[in-house]
Amino acid sequence: MTTKLTLSVDSAVIDLAKVWARGRKKSVSALVEDYLVHLTHARQVPADAPVWASRLHGACRPLVPLADDTDSLIADALAEKHA
């Protein structure tokens, strides 16, 4: 089931996301959904993990990047926002 979600995002980030999505023949909604699926599945700490492992959660980059140029997309958006 698909549910509508409203987000507030800087317009420069939206513009970059649309260009990036168009190049991959996807919608921005599909990109957000892919990211949320990755975020909620790839980075979960198992319930029975030791306390020290839970504290390390998020300290390292994922083994498989979300996309080829995610870091540059974020860096460009932040640079434009704070220019």
C-alpha atoms as a PDB file:
ATOM      1  CA  MET A   1       0.000   0.000   0.000  1.00  0.00           C
ATOM      2  CA  THR A   2       1.335   3.432  -0.921  1.00  0.00           C
ATOM      3  CA  THR A   3       0.798   6.336   1.470  1.00  0.00           C
ATOM      4  CA  LYS A   4       1.382   9.998   0.738  1.00  0.00           C
ATOM      5  CA  LEU A   5       4.164  11.705   2.740  1.00  0.00           C
ATOM      6  CA  THR A   6       4.787  15.444   2.870  1.00  0.00           C
ATOM      7  CA  LEU A   7       8.366  16.620   3.458  1.00  0.00           C
ATOM      8  CA  SER A   8       9.929  20.059   3.821  1.00  0.00           C
ATOM      9  CA  VAL A   9      13.176  20.142   1.850  1.00  0.00           C
ATOM     10  CA  ASP A  10      15.377  23.005   0.669  1.00  0.00           C
ATOM     11  CA  SER A  11      14.448  23.890  -2.917  1.00  0.00           C
ATOM     12  CA  ALA A  12      18.061  23.542  -4.107  1.00  0.00           C
ATOM     13  CA  VAL A  13      18.135  19.974  -2.794  1.00  0.00           C
ATOM     14  CA  ILE A  14      14.848  19.207  -4.535  1.00  0.00           C
ATOM     15  CA  ASP A  15      16.177  20.562  -7.833  1.00  0.00           C
ATOM     16  CA  LEU A  16      19.325  18.438  -7.557  1.00  0.00           C
ATOM     17  CA  ALA A  17      17.291  15.382  -6.583  1.00  0.00           C
ATOM     18  CA  LYS A  18      15.032  15.813  -9.628  1.00  0.00           C
ATOM     19  CA  VAL A  19      18.024  15.991 -11.966  1.00  0.00           C
ATOM     20  CA  TRP A  20      19.648  12.991 -10.300  1.00  0.00           C
ATOM     21  CA  ALA A  21      16.392  10.991 -10.403  1.00  0.00           C
ATOM     22  CA  ARG A  22      15.729  11.884 -14.045  1.00  0.00           C
ATOM     23  CA  GLY A  23      19.180  10.556 -14.971  1.00  0.00           C
ATOM     24  CA  ARG A  24      18.224   7.230 -13.388  1.00  0.00           C
ATOM     25  CA  LYS A  25      14.694   7.189 -14.822  1.00  0.00           C
ATOM     26  CA  LYS A  26      13.165   7.289 -11.337  1.00  0.00           C
ATOM     27  CA  SER A  27      10.943   9.684  -9.458  1.00  0.00           C
ATOM     28  CA  VAL A  28      12.085  11.606  -6.396  1.00  0.00           C
ATOM     29  CA  SER A  29       9.466   9.637  -4.458  1.00  0.00           C
ATOM     30  CA  ALA A  30      11.116   6.386  -5.573  1.00  0.00           C
ATOM     31  CA  LEU A  31      14.518   7.718  -4.488  1.00  0.00           C
ATOM     32  CA  VAL A  32      13.171   8.644  -1.049  1.00  0.00           C
ATOM     33  CA  GLU A  33      11.510   5.244  -0.699  1.00  0.00           C
ATOM     34  CA  ASP A  34      14.716   3.442  -1.740  1.00  0.00           C
ATOM     35  CA  TYR A  35      16.703   5.485   0.767  1.00  0.00           C
ATOM     36  CA  LEU A  36      14.259   4.825   3.606  1.00  0.00           C
ATOM     37  CA  VAL A  37      14.234   1.090   2.848  1.00  0.00           C
ATOM     38  CA  HIS A  38      18.027   1.049   2.852  1.00  0.00           C
ATOM     39  CA  LEU A  39      18.220   3.116   6.022  1.00  0.00           C
ATOM     40  CA  THR A  40      15.774   0.980   7.962  1.00  0.00           C
ATOM     41  CA  HIS A  41      17.141  -2.377   6.821  1.00  0.00           C
ATOM     42  CA  ALA A  42      20.873  -1.951   6.395  1.00  0.00           C
ATOM     43  CA  ARG A  43      21.623  -0.077   9.574  1.00  0.00           C
ATOM     44  CA  GLN A  44      19.494  -1.790  12.166  1.00  0.00           C
ATOM     45  CA  VAL A  45      21.236  -2.958  15.295  1.00  0.00           C
ATOM     46  CA  PRO A  46      19.996  -6.419  16.283  1.00  0.00           C
ATOM     47  CA  ALA A  47      17.958  -6.440  19.490  1.00  0.00           C
ATOM     48  CA  ASP A  48      20.361  -8.894  21.095  1.00  0.00           C
ATOM     49  CA  ALA A  49      23.490  -6.896  20.178  1.00  0.00           C
ATOM     50  CA  PRO A  50      25.833  -6.034  23.067  1.00  0.00           C
ATOM     51  CA  VAL A  51      25.691  -2.485  24.425  1.00  0.00           C
ATOM     52  CA  TRP A  52      29.108  -1.603  22.944  1.00  0.00           C
ATOM     53  CA  ALA A  53      27.872  -2.586  19.468  1.00  0.00           C
ATOM     54  CA  SER A  54      24.812  -0.376  19.838  1.00  0.00           C
ATOM     55  CA  ARG A  55      27.065   2.561  20.714  1.00  0.00           C
ATOM     56  CA  LEU A  56      29.025   2.034  17.496  1.00  0.00           C
ATOM     57  CA  HIS A  57      25.854   2.097  15.414  1.00  0.00           C
ATOM     58  CA  GLY A  58      26.291   4.600  12.587  1.00  0.00           C
ATOM     59  CA  ALA A  59      30.004   5.159  13.241  1.00  0.00           C
ATOM     60  CA  CYS A  60      31.038   3.600   9.916  1.00  0.00           C
ATOM     61  CA  ARG A  61      29.873   4.110   6.375  1.00  0.00           C
ATOM     62  CA  PRO A  62      27.652   1.412   4.856  1.00  0.00           C
ATOM     63  CA  LEU A  63      29.478  -1.304   2.925  1.00  0.00           C
ATOM     64  CA  VAL A  64      27.326  -0.626  -0.117  1.00  0.00           C
ATOM     65  CA  PRO A  65      26.839   3.056  -0.939  1.00  0.00           C
ATOM     66  CA  LEU A  66      23.317   4.311  -1.530  1.00  0.00           C
ATOM     67  CA  ALA A  67      24.299   5.616  -4.945  1.00  0.00           C
ATOM     68  CA  ASP A  68      27.429   6.305  -6.958  1.00  0.00           C
ATOM     69  CA  ASP A  69      27.481  10.013  -6.288  1.00  0.00           C
ATOM     70  CA  THR A  70      25.392  10.487  -3.143  1.00  0.00           C
ATOM     71  CA  ASP A  71      28.225  12.227  -1.302  1.00  0.00           C
ATOM     72  CA  SER A  72      28.839  14.703  -4.111  1.00  0.00           C
ATOM     73  CA  LEU A  73      25.102  15.393  -4.423  1.00  0.00           C
ATOM     74  CA  ILE A  74      24.873  16.185  -0.718  1.00  0.00           C
ATOM     75  CA  ALA A  75      28.072  18.254  -0.774  1.00  0.00           C
ATOM     76  CA  ASP A  76      26.839  20.278  -3.753  1.00  0.00           C
ATOM     77  CA  ALA A  77      23.461  20.905  -2.124  1.00  0.00           C
ATOM     78  CA  LEU A  78      25.064  22.017   1.137  1.00  0.00           C
ATOM     79  CA  ALA A  79      27.561  24.245  -0.675  1.00  0.00           C
ATOM     80  CA  GLU A  80      24.758  25.926  -2.612  1.00  0.00           C
ATOM     81  CA  LYS A  81      22.619  26.313   0.495  1.00  0.00           C
ATOM     82  CA  HIS A  82      25.407  27.883   2.560  1.00  0.00           C
ATOM     83  CA  ALA A  83      27.040  29.933  -0.198  1.00  0.00           C
END
